[in-house]
Protein backbone atom coordinates (compact mmCIF):
# COMPACT_ATOMS: atom_id res chain seq x y z
CA MET A 1 0.00 0.00 0.00
CA VAL A 2 1.29 3.44 -0.92
CA ILE A 3 0.73 6.10 1.72
CA LYS A 4 0.43 9.56 0.27
CA PRO A 5 1.79 12.42 2.30
CA PHE A 6 -0.81 14.59 4.02
CA CYS A 7 0.32 17.57 1.97
CA THR A 8 3.22 18.75 -0.10
CA PHE A 9 4.75 22.18 -0.65
CA ALA A 10 3.47 22.02 -4.24
CA ALA A 11 -0.09 21.48 -3.02
CA MET A 12 -0.01 24.31 -0.52
CA SER A 13 -1.65 27.57 -1.51
CA VAL A 14 0.74 30.36 -2.45
CA ILE A 15 0.87 33.14 0.12
CA LYS A 16 1.67 36.60 -1.13
CA PRO A 17 4.67 37.79 0.91
CA SER A 18 3.98 40.92 2.92
CA LEU A 19 5.15 42.78 6.00
CA ALA A 20 3.11 43.62 9.07
CA LYS A 21 2.22 47.33 9.06
CA GLY A 22 4.78 49.50 10.76
CA THR A 23 7.68 47.06 10.27
CA ARG A 24 10.53 46.92 7.74
CA ASP A 25 13.22 44.68 6.31
CA PHE A 26 16.76 46.04 6.29
CA SER A 27 19.08 45.36 3.35
CA PRO A 28 22.85 44.89 3.77
CA VAL A 29 23.40 48.51 2.65
CA GLU A 30 20.85 49.74 5.18
CA MET A 31 22.42 47.69 7.95
CA VAL A 32 25.83 49.24 7.30
CA LYS A 33 24.24 52.66 7.69
CA ARG A 34 22.26 51.67 10.77
CA ASN A 35 25.38 50.25 12.42
CA PHE A 36 27.15 53.52 11.64
CA ILE A 37 24.48 55.28 13.73
CA TYR A 38 24.64 52.74 16.57
CA ASP A 39 28.45 52.68 16.67
CA THR A 40 28.66 56.48 16.70
CA ILE A 41 26.16 56.84 19.53
CA LYS A 42 27.66 53.95 21.51
CA SER A 43 31.14 55.49 21.26
CA VAL A 44 29.84 58.68 22.89
CA PHE A 45 28.00 56.73 25.61
CA LYS A 46 31.23 54.91 26.48
CA LYS A 47 33.18 58.18 26.66
CA TYR A 48 30.86 59.27 29.45
CA GLY A 49 31.28 56.06 31.46
CA TYR A 50 28.21 54.06 30.44
CA ALA A 51 28.25 50.26 29.99
CA GLU A 52 25.94 48.16 27.81
CA ILE A 53 23.24 45.74 29.00
CA GLN A 54 20.35 43.97 27.25
CA THR A 55 16.91 42.87 28.48
CA PRO A 56 14.35 40.44 26.93
CA SER A 57 12.11 41.51 24.06
CA PHE A 58 9.02 40.79 26.13
CA GLU A 59 8.17 41.37 29.78
CA ASN A 60 5.37 40.38 32.11
CA LEU A 61 2.35 42.52 31.25
CA SER A 62 2.15 43.66 34.88
CA THR A 63 5.70 45.04 34.57
CA LEU A 64 4.69 47.37 31.75
CA THR A 65 1.12 48.49 32.45
CA GLY A 66 0.46 51.60 34.51
CA LYS A 67 3.82 53.19 33.66
CA TYR A 68 2.99 55.09 30.47
CA GLY A 69 -0.39 56.67 31.19
CA ASP A 70 -3.75 55.53 29.80
CA GLU A 71 -2.84 56.40 26.22
CA GLY A 72 0.51 54.62 26.44
CA ASP A 73 -1.03 51.48 27.95
CA LYS A 74 -3.32 51.19 24.92
CA LEU A 75 -0.27 51.01 22.65
CA ILE A 76 1.34 48.03 24.39
CA PHE A 77 1.45 44.93 22.18
CA LYS A 78 0.01 42.07 24.26
CA ILE A 79 1.07 38.45 23.69
CA LEU A 80 -1.60 35.75 23.88
CA ASN A 81 -0.93 33.05 26.43
CA SER A 82 0.15 29.78 24.88
CA GLY A 83 -2.16 26.78 24.98
CA GLU A 84 -5.87 27.15 25.73
CA TYR A 85 -5.75 30.84 26.51
CA LEU A 86 -9.55 31.17 26.42
CA LYS A 87 -10.07 28.51 29.09
CA ASP A 88 -10.23 30.98 32.01
CA ALA A 89 -12.03 33.60 29.94
CA LYS A 90 -14.91 31.23 29.15
CA LYS A 91 -15.69 31.03 32.87
CA LYS A 92 -16.72 34.70 32.84
CA SER A 93 -19.39 36.55 30.94
CA PHE A 94 -18.25 39.58 28.98
CA ASP A 95 -19.90 42.15 26.79
CA PHE A 96 -17.08 42.64 24.27
CA SER A 97 -18.63 45.88 23.03
CA GLU A 98 -17.73 47.53 26.31
CA GLU A 99 -14.11 48.68 26.74
CA GLU A 100 -14.24 48.08 30.50
CA ASN A 101 -15.08 44.41 30.04
CA SER A 102 -12.47 44.10 27.30
CA ASN A 103 -9.85 45.39 29.73
CA LYS A 104 -10.95 42.77 32.27
CA LEU A 105 -10.50 40.06 29.63
CA ILE A 106 -6.89 40.96 28.79
CA PRO A 107 -5.25 39.58 32.00
CA LEU A 108 -7.06 36.26 31.46
CA ILE A 109 -5.70 35.70 27.96
CA SER A 110 -2.41 37.62 28.06
CA GLU A 111 0.24 37.67 30.76
CA LYS A 112 3.15 39.01 28.70
CA ALA A 113 3.77 41.87 26.29
CA LEU A 114 6.42 43.24 23.96
CA ARG A 115 8.37 45.99 25.67
CA TYR A 116 7.07 49.52 25.03
CA ASP A 117 10.36 51.22 25.87
CA LEU A 118 13.71 50.38 27.49
CA THR A 119 13.33 52.48 30.66
CA VAL A 120 10.77 50.40 32.55
CA PRO A 121 12.60 47.11 31.78
CA PHE A 122 15.77 48.84 32.97
CA ALA A 123 14.08 49.75 36.28
CA ARG A 124 13.02 46.11 36.63
CA TYR A 125 16.60 45.04 35.86
CA VAL A 126 18.02 47.35 38.55
CA VAL A 127 15.70 45.96 41.21
CA MET A 128 16.41 42.33 40.30
CA HIS A 129 20.20 42.92 40.17
CA GLN A 130 20.49 45.47 42.98
CA HIS A 131 23.02 43.36 44.89
CA GLU A 132 25.26 42.94 41.83
CA ILE A 133 25.50 46.54 40.58
CA THR A 134 27.43 49.51 41.93
CA LEU A 135 25.59 52.80 42.42
CA PRO A 136 25.48 55.15 40.65
CA PHE A 137 24.78 52.60 37.92
CA LYS A 138 25.32 53.91 34.38
CA ARG A 139 24.05 51.80 31.50
CA PHE A 140 23.08 52.05 27.87
CA GLN A 141 20.90 49.81 25.70
CA VAL A 142 20.38 49.62 21.94
CA GLN A 143 17.42 47.32 21.28
CA PRO A 144 14.05 47.28 19.48
CA VAL A 145 10.76 48.29 21.13
CA TRP A 146 7.17 47.88 19.93
CA ARG A 147 4.13 50.16 20.01
CA ALA A 148 0.68 49.54 18.54
CA ASP A 149 0.66 53.03 17.04
CA ARG A 150 -0.68 54.20 13.68
CA PRO A 151 2.24 53.94 11.22
CA GLN A 152 3.23 57.16 9.42
CA LYS A 153 6.38 58.93 8.26
CA GLY A 154 9.01 58.57 10.95
CA ARG A 155 6.70 56.48 13.17
CA TYR A 156 6.90 52.69 13.18
CA ARG A 157 5.41 49.90 15.26
CA GLU A 158 8.79 48.23 15.63
CA PHE A 159 11.74 50.55 16.07
CA TYR A 160 15.07 50.78 17.84
CA GLN A 161 15.86 52.95 20.83
CA CYS A 162 19.31 53.92 22.03
CA ASP A 163 18.85 54.55 25.76
CA VAL A 164 21.33 55.84 28.29
CA ASP A 165 20.43 56.07 32.00
CA VAL A 166 22.03 56.53 35.39
CA VAL A 167 20.32 55.51 38.65
CA GLY A 168 21.39 56.20 42.20
CA SER A 169 22.56 59.79 41.69
CA GLU A 170 20.63 62.99 42.43
CA SER A 171 23.31 65.20 40.85
CA LEU A 172 22.08 67.50 38.09
CA LEU A 173 25.49 67.05 36.51
CA ASN A 174 23.94 63.97 34.91
CA GLU A 175 21.29 66.08 33.17
CA ALA A 176 23.96 68.48 31.92
CA GLU A 177 26.05 65.60 30.56
CA PHE A 178 23.05 64.26 28.66
CA ILE A 179 22.83 67.59 26.86
CA LEU A 180 26.51 67.21 25.94
CA ILE A 181 25.94 63.58 24.87
CA TYR A 182 23.14 64.67 22.54
CA ASN A 183 25.27 67.53 21.24
CA GLU A 184 28.33 65.38 20.54
CA ALA A 185 26.58 62.31 19.12
CA LEU A 186 24.28 64.20 16.75
CA ALA A 187 27.10 66.49 15.59
CA LYS A 188 29.26 63.41 14.87
CA LEU A 189 26.39 62.00 12.81
CA GLY A 190 26.51 65.15 10.71
CA LEU A 191 23.51 67.16 11.98
CA LYS A 192 24.18 70.90 12.03
CA ASP A 193 20.89 72.43 13.17
CA PHE A 194 19.01 70.79 16.03
CA THR A 195 17.34 71.91 19.24
CA ILE A 196 17.49 70.30 22.68
CA LYS A 197 14.33 71.33 24.50
CA ILE A 198 14.36 71.20 28.28
CA ASN A 199 11.67 71.67 30.94
CA ASN A 200 11.01 70.45 34.47
CA ARG A 201 7.93 68.59 35.67
CA LYS A 202 8.15 70.54 38.94
CA ILE A 203 7.58 73.75 36.95
CA LEU A 204 4.49 72.17 35.40
CA SER A 205 3.31 71.06 38.84
CA GLY A 206 3.83 74.60 40.08
CA ILE A 207 1.72 75.96 37.22
CA ALA A 208 -1.06 73.51 38.11
CA GLU A 209 -0.83 74.68 41.74
CA ILE A 210 -1.16 78.41 41.02
CA ILE A 211 -4.30 77.91 38.96
CA GLY A 212 -5.76 75.74 41.72
CA LYS A 213 -5.77 72.45 39.80
CA PRO A 214 -2.90 70.36 41.29
CA ASP A 215 -5.03 67.22 40.98
CA LEU A 216 -5.27 67.74 37.21
CA ILE A 217 -1.50 67.91 36.58
CA ILE A 218 -1.54 64.82 34.34
CA ASP A 219 -4.49 66.13 32.31
CA MET A 220 -2.74 69.49 31.90
CA THR A 221 0.60 68.02 30.80
CA VAL A 222 -0.99 65.58 28.34
CA ALA A 223 -2.89 68.46 26.72
CA ILE A 224 -0.14 71.09 26.49
CA ASP A 225 2.36 68.49 25.23
CA LYS A 226 0.26 68.45 22.03
CA LEU A 227 0.72 72.17 21.31
CA ASP A 228 2.92 71.52 18.25
CA LYS A 229 0.38 69.06 16.83
CA ILE A 230 -3.01 70.66 17.52
CA GLY A 231 -2.18 74.32 18.20
CA LEU A 232 -3.34 76.57 21.03
CA ASP A 233 -7.03 76.29 20.12
CA GLY A 234 -6.81 72.50 20.17
CA VAL A 235 -5.01 72.52 23.52
CA SER A 236 -7.59 74.93 24.98
CA LYS A 237 -10.45 72.75 23.80
CA GLU A 238 -8.86 69.62 25.30
CA LEU A 239 -8.17 71.38 28.61
CA LEU A 240 -11.82 72.43 28.85
CA GLU A 241 -12.87 68.84 28.19
CA ARG A 242 -10.52 67.68 30.95
CA GLY A 243 -12.05 69.87 33.66
CA PHE A 244 -10.33 73.25 33.32
CA THR A 245 -12.29 76.53 33.15
CA GLU A 246 -11.98 79.57 30.92
CA ASP A 247 -10.49 81.43 33.90
CA ASP A 248 -7.85 78.68 34.21
CA LEU A 249 -7.04 79.06 30.52
CA ASP A 250 -6.61 82.82 30.87
CA LYS A 251 -3.90 82.11 33.46
CA LEU A 252 -2.33 79.31 31.45
CA ARG A 253 -2.07 80.95 28.01
CA PRO A 254 0.66 83.52 28.89
CA VAL A 255 2.77 80.73 30.39
CA ILE A 256 2.20 78.34 27.50
CA LEU A 257 3.14 81.08 25.00
CA LEU A 258 6.19 82.26 26.96
CA GLN A 259 8.76 83.85 24.62
CA GLY A 260 12.31 85.23 24.83
CA THR A 261 15.74 83.88 25.73
CA ASN A 262 16.16 81.16 28.32
CA GLU A 263 17.22 83.82 30.85
CA GLU A 264 14.15 85.94 30.10
CA LYS A 265 11.85 82.94 30.42
CA ILE A 266 13.36 82.06 33.80
CA ILE A 267 12.81 85.63 35.07
CA SER A 268 9.16 85.52 33.94
CA LEU A 269 8.59 82.08 35.48
CA LYS A 270 10.03 83.19 38.83
CA GLU A 271 7.39 85.94 38.91
CA VAL A 272 4.55 83.65 37.85
CA LEU A 273 5.54 80.86 40.27
CA ALA A 274 6.56 83.06 43.20
CA GLU A 275 3.91 81.41 45.41
CA SER A 276 4.79 77.84 44.42
CA GLU A 277 7.68 76.21 46.26
CA THR A 278 7.56 73.24 43.90
CA GLY A 279 7.65 75.46 40.82
CA LEU A 280 10.58 77.51 42.13
CA LYS A 281 12.50 74.32 42.86
CA GLY A 282 12.01 73.26 39.26
CA ILE A 283 13.36 76.60 38.04
CA ALA A 284 16.40 76.27 40.33
CA GLU A 285 17.11 72.82 38.89
CA ILE A 286 16.97 74.18 35.32
CA GLU A 287 19.37 76.99 36.28
CA GLN A 288 21.79 74.49 37.83
CA VAL A 289 21.77 72.37 34.65
CA PHE A 290 22.48 75.46 32.54
CA ASP A 291 25.37 76.39 34.86
CA TYR A 292 26.89 72.90 34.53
CA VAL A 293 26.57 73.00 30.73
CA GLU A 294 28.25 76.39 30.60
CA SER A 295 31.13 75.12 32.75
CA LEU A 296 31.57 71.88 30.80
CA ILE A 297 31.18 73.21 27.28
CA SER A 298 34.35 75.28 27.62
CA TYR A 299 36.30 72.01 27.62
CA ALA A 300 34.05 69.94 25.35
CA LEU A 301 33.16 69.97 21.66
CA PRO A 302 31.59 73.23 20.41
CA LEU A 303 27.89 73.52 21.24
CA THR A 304 26.16 72.73 17.94
CA ALA A 305 22.75 72.35 19.55
CA LYS A 306 20.36 75.13 20.44
CA ILE A 307 19.18 74.71 24.04
CA ASP A 308 15.62 75.92 24.55
CA LEU A 309 13.63 76.13 27.80
CA ASP A 310 10.19 75.08 26.54
CA ILE A 311 7.35 75.21 29.07
CA THR A 312 5.01 73.32 26.74
CA LEU A 313 7.31 70.29 26.81
CA ALA A 314 5.61 67.80 29.09
CA ARG A 315 6.67 64.28 27.98
CA GLY A 316 3.41 62.38 28.52
CA LEU A 317 4.96 59.51 30.49
CA ASN A 318 3.74 59.52 34.07
CA TYR A 319 7.03 58.53 35.67
CA TYR A 320 8.97 61.76 34.99
CA THR A 321 9.43 63.97 38.05
CA GLY A 322 12.20 66.47 37.27
CA CYS A 323 14.06 67.72 34.20
CA ILE A 324 12.68 66.48 30.89
CA PHE A 325 14.25 66.64 27.42
CA GLU A 326 13.22 66.45 23.79
CA VAL A 327 15.41 66.80 20.70
CA LYS A 328 14.25 67.96 17.28
CA THR A 329 16.14 68.52 14.05
CA ASN A 330 15.44 71.81 12.30
CA GLU A 331 16.73 70.56 8.94
CA VAL A 332 13.95 68.05 8.17
CA ALA A 333 10.22 67.92 8.91
CA MET A 334 10.34 65.16 11.51
CA GLY A 335 9.04 64.49 15.00
CA SER A 336 11.38 64.31 17.96
CA ILE A 337 14.58 62.31 17.46
CA GLY A 338 15.29 61.95 21.17
CA GLY A 339 13.92 62.60 24.63
CA GLY A 340 13.91 61.58 28.26
CA GLY A 341 14.06 62.91 31.78
CA ARG A 342 14.40 62.45 35.54
CA TYR A 343 12.33 59.84 37.38
CA ASP A 344 12.57 59.81 41.16
CA ASP A 345 10.97 56.52 42.10
CA LEU A 346 10.43 54.33 39.06
CA THR A 347 12.06 51.37 40.82
CA GLY A 348 9.63 51.86 43.72
CA MET A 349 6.98 50.16 41.58
CA PHE A 350 9.11 47.03 41.84
CA GLY A 351 9.80 47.30 45.57
CA LEU A 352 13.01 49.34 45.65
CA LYS A 353 12.03 52.73 47.07
CA ASP A 354 13.66 56.16 46.73
CA LEU A 355 16.15 55.33 43.99
CA THR A 356 16.31 58.30 41.65
CA GLY A 357 17.34 58.04 38.05
CA VAL A 358 17.59 60.02 34.84
CA GLY A 359 17.96 58.98 31.23
CA VAL A 360 17.51 59.94 27.61
CA SER A 361 16.90 58.10 24.37
CA PHE A 362 17.95 58.48 20.74
CA GLY A 363 15.34 57.57 18.13
CA ALA A 364 17.65 55.63 15.82
CA ASP A 365 15.02 55.01 13.13
CA ARG A 366 14.09 58.66 12.83
CA ILE A 367 17.75 59.66 12.88
CA TYR A 368 18.32 57.23 10.00
CA ASP A 369 15.53 58.88 7.99
CA VAL A 370 16.97 62.33 8.72
CA LEU A 371 20.50 61.35 7.64
CA GLU A 372 19.15 59.68 4.51
CA GLU A 373 17.07 62.72 3.53
CA LEU A 374 20.00 65.09 4.12
CA ASP A 375 22.48 62.72 2.40
CA LEU A 376 24.71 62.78 5.48
CA PHE A 377 25.89 59.17 5.56
CA PRO A 378 29.65 59.13 4.84
CA ALA A 379 30.94 56.98 2.01
CA SER A 380 32.44 54.61 4.59
CA ALA A 381 28.93 53.95 5.94
CA GLU A 382 27.81 52.72 2.53
CA VAL A 383 30.64 50.22 2.04
CA GLY A 384 30.70 46.67 3.32
CA THR A 385 33.35 44.84 1.29
CA LYS A 386 36.23 47.18 0.50
CA VAL A 387 37.98 45.17 -2.20
CA LEU A 388 36.99 42.39 -4.58
CA ILE A 389 39.66 40.08 -6.03
CA SER A 390 38.83 38.87 -9.53
CA ASN A 391 38.73 35.22 -10.47
CA PHE A 392 39.55 34.33 -14.10
CA ASP A 393 40.77 30.74 -13.83
CA THR A 394 42.05 28.05 -11.47
CA GLU A 395 45.62 29.41 -11.46
CA ALA A 396 44.46 32.95 -10.60
CA GLU A 397 42.15 31.64 -7.85
CA LYS A 398 44.98 29.63 -6.26
CA TYR A 399 47.27 32.67 -6.38
CA ALA A 400 44.56 34.93 -4.88
CA LEU A 401 43.61 32.78 -1.85
CA PRO A 402 46.56 33.70 0.42
CA ILE A 403 46.27 37.36 -0.66
CA LEU A 404 42.58 37.31 0.32
CA GLN A 405 43.47 36.17 3.83
CA GLN A 406 46.24 38.77 4.12
CA PHE A 407 43.68 41.51 3.54
CA ARG A 408 41.27 40.02 6.06
CA ASN A 409 44.01 39.56 8.66
CA ALA A 410 44.85 43.24 8.22
CA GLY A 411 41.22 44.18 8.96
CA ILE A 412 40.33 45.00 5.35
CA PRO A 413 36.93 43.54 4.32
CA ALA A 414 37.70 41.52 1.19
CA GLU A 415 36.07 39.00 -1.14
CA LEU A 416 37.31 36.69 -3.88
CA TYR A 417 34.76 36.24 -6.66
CA PRO A 418 33.69 32.65 -5.94
CA SER A 419 34.11 31.19 -9.44
CA SER A 420 35.81 32.03 -12.70
CA ALA A 421 33.67 34.33 -14.83
CA LYS A 422 33.85 37.04 -17.47
CA LEU A 423 35.22 40.38 -16.28
CA LYS A 424 31.96 42.17 -17.08
CA LYS A 425 30.02 39.93 -14.71
CA GLN A 426 32.53 40.40 -11.89
CA MET A 427 32.52 44.19 -12.34
CA ALA A 428 28.71 44.22 -12.26
CA TYR A 429 28.87 42.32 -8.96
CA ALA A 430 31.27 44.91 -7.51
CA ASP A 431 29.02 47.76 -8.70
CA ALA A 432 25.89 46.18 -7.22
CA LYS A 433 27.57 45.83 -3.82
CA ASN A 434 29.21 49.28 -3.90
CA ILE A 435 32.66 47.71 -3.59
CA PRO A 436 35.09 50.59 -4.19
CA TYR A 437 38.12 48.60 -5.44
CA VAL A 438 38.69 45.54 -7.61
CA ILE A 439 42.01 43.67 -7.94
CA LEU A 440 42.61 42.08 -11.33
CA ILE A 441 44.89 39.05 -11.36
CA GLY A 442 45.97 37.57 -14.68
CA GLY A 443 49.10 35.90 -16.02
CA ASP A 444 51.09 39.15 -16.09
CA GLU A 445 50.21 39.97 -12.49
CA ILE A 446 51.20 36.49 -11.30
CA ALA A 447 54.51 36.72 -13.13
CA SER A 448 55.44 40.21 -11.89
CA GLY A 449 53.95 40.12 -8.39
CA GLU A 450 52.33 43.50 -9.05
CA LEU A 451 48.55 43.42 -9.11
CA THR A 452 46.20 45.72 -11.02
CA LEU A 453 44.04 47.77 -8.63
CA LYS A 454 40.99 49.41 -10.19
CA ASP A 455 39.22 52.33 -8.49
CA MET A 456 35.56 51.67 -9.31
CA GLN A 457 34.56 55.30 -8.91
CA SER A 458 37.21 56.97 -11.05
CA GLY A 459 38.00 53.99 -13.31
CA GLU A 460 41.72 54.56 -12.69
CA GLN A 461 44.00 51.49 -12.66
CA ASN A 462 47.40 51.16 -10.99
CA LYS A 463 49.99 48.39 -10.61
CA LEU A 464 50.82 47.79 -6.95
CA THR A 465 52.25 45.07 -4.73
CA VAL A 466 50.04 43.42 -2.14
CA LEU A 467 51.65 45.55 0.60
CA GLY A 468 51.16 48.67 -1.49
CA ILE A 469 47.45 47.90 -1.92
CA MET A 470 47.07 47.21 1.80
CA ASP A 471 48.65 50.56 2.68
CA LEU A 472 46.30 52.32 0.27
CA LEU A 473 43.14 50.59 1.51
CA LYS A 474 43.96 51.16 5.16
């Protein structure tokens, strides 16, 4: 008896290949460019004493929820429990048309979620490893995060963050150094016109106090943080919907629309917040950060960035308690390319109380788009293999093999065309891979020991020894 297989690949229906919305593939050329960004940013992190860690792609759902505000929680990608995940849910009766009941269903069918950012997992890491780390603990992470957001230009559902944080230090020197880290890293990447916005959540709390709405601080910050997107009228409308009055708005508008230099803004804020101890403390912290930057910049790289005290900057995440940052390029229409701030008790959610921290993040994907649009990637960031050795016949291949390894041992990325082929085909291969140099080895080259090196950009050809070529390529 002949037993036919249950199915074969030929019998299977053809599935049209596609990507999930908000995700991307990265080609070899793109990866070289992306690694250029990561390596540049990492080199600056290390200069300032930060060490790299990594955390899992997914966390317990309870670790993530309640840390990003109601709007943030909705954007967390939940992972269905394995096995019969509806078993417990079937024991309860739900009206799935009601959001409240839907929220009750989630814990029954999902106990884990893809990480929303790198900061909360870092806080979890610190608590779990508190007996192994030395405070202040300075770390950086470069890993992907996921958000169930609506995809658009510069906004993806899967994207990389480059985070740098320090916990266990109250010193505002850390905040000042983050400004310098942003300044140095972005300048090294080629950006020439960008703004580092800074504010302090204590100032925002003070503003809420003086208008008599301290209990609506979150509602106020969420609304005014949208000023760039929806304008003053949109912010005013949202504030009214969130429980503020027209009288409150009359007091808020002059503060929201504060103009002038950083020094002038500080003078105005001191007058407005004269009756708020919390607000004045926030102003003092901003002044201290500015003083540190002024002292440090004399001995650092030139200050490429514009530093702007922006009262409308709120950073919607609930865990920020002090200085907050946001970075925007002025050369391309793009959202923020970085941000972060001070959080006084994020680890307290995991049982380790009163451990302050501060950190910032680089939006690597948006930075990539900016560099691409401005054509700022250096030629070296577009090259993988630096030299291709031709292969015309068995004798040439045998002669080339030890030379190939010499290049590689010297740290020069090199390839030997894998089989004998016509020159046109090998040149087309080098062109397609953006390989800048090709070495031609024929009978004359083998006899003389001088190889023909072709510059693929200029078309120029020169006879050089192996050592001569190595010196040139290095």
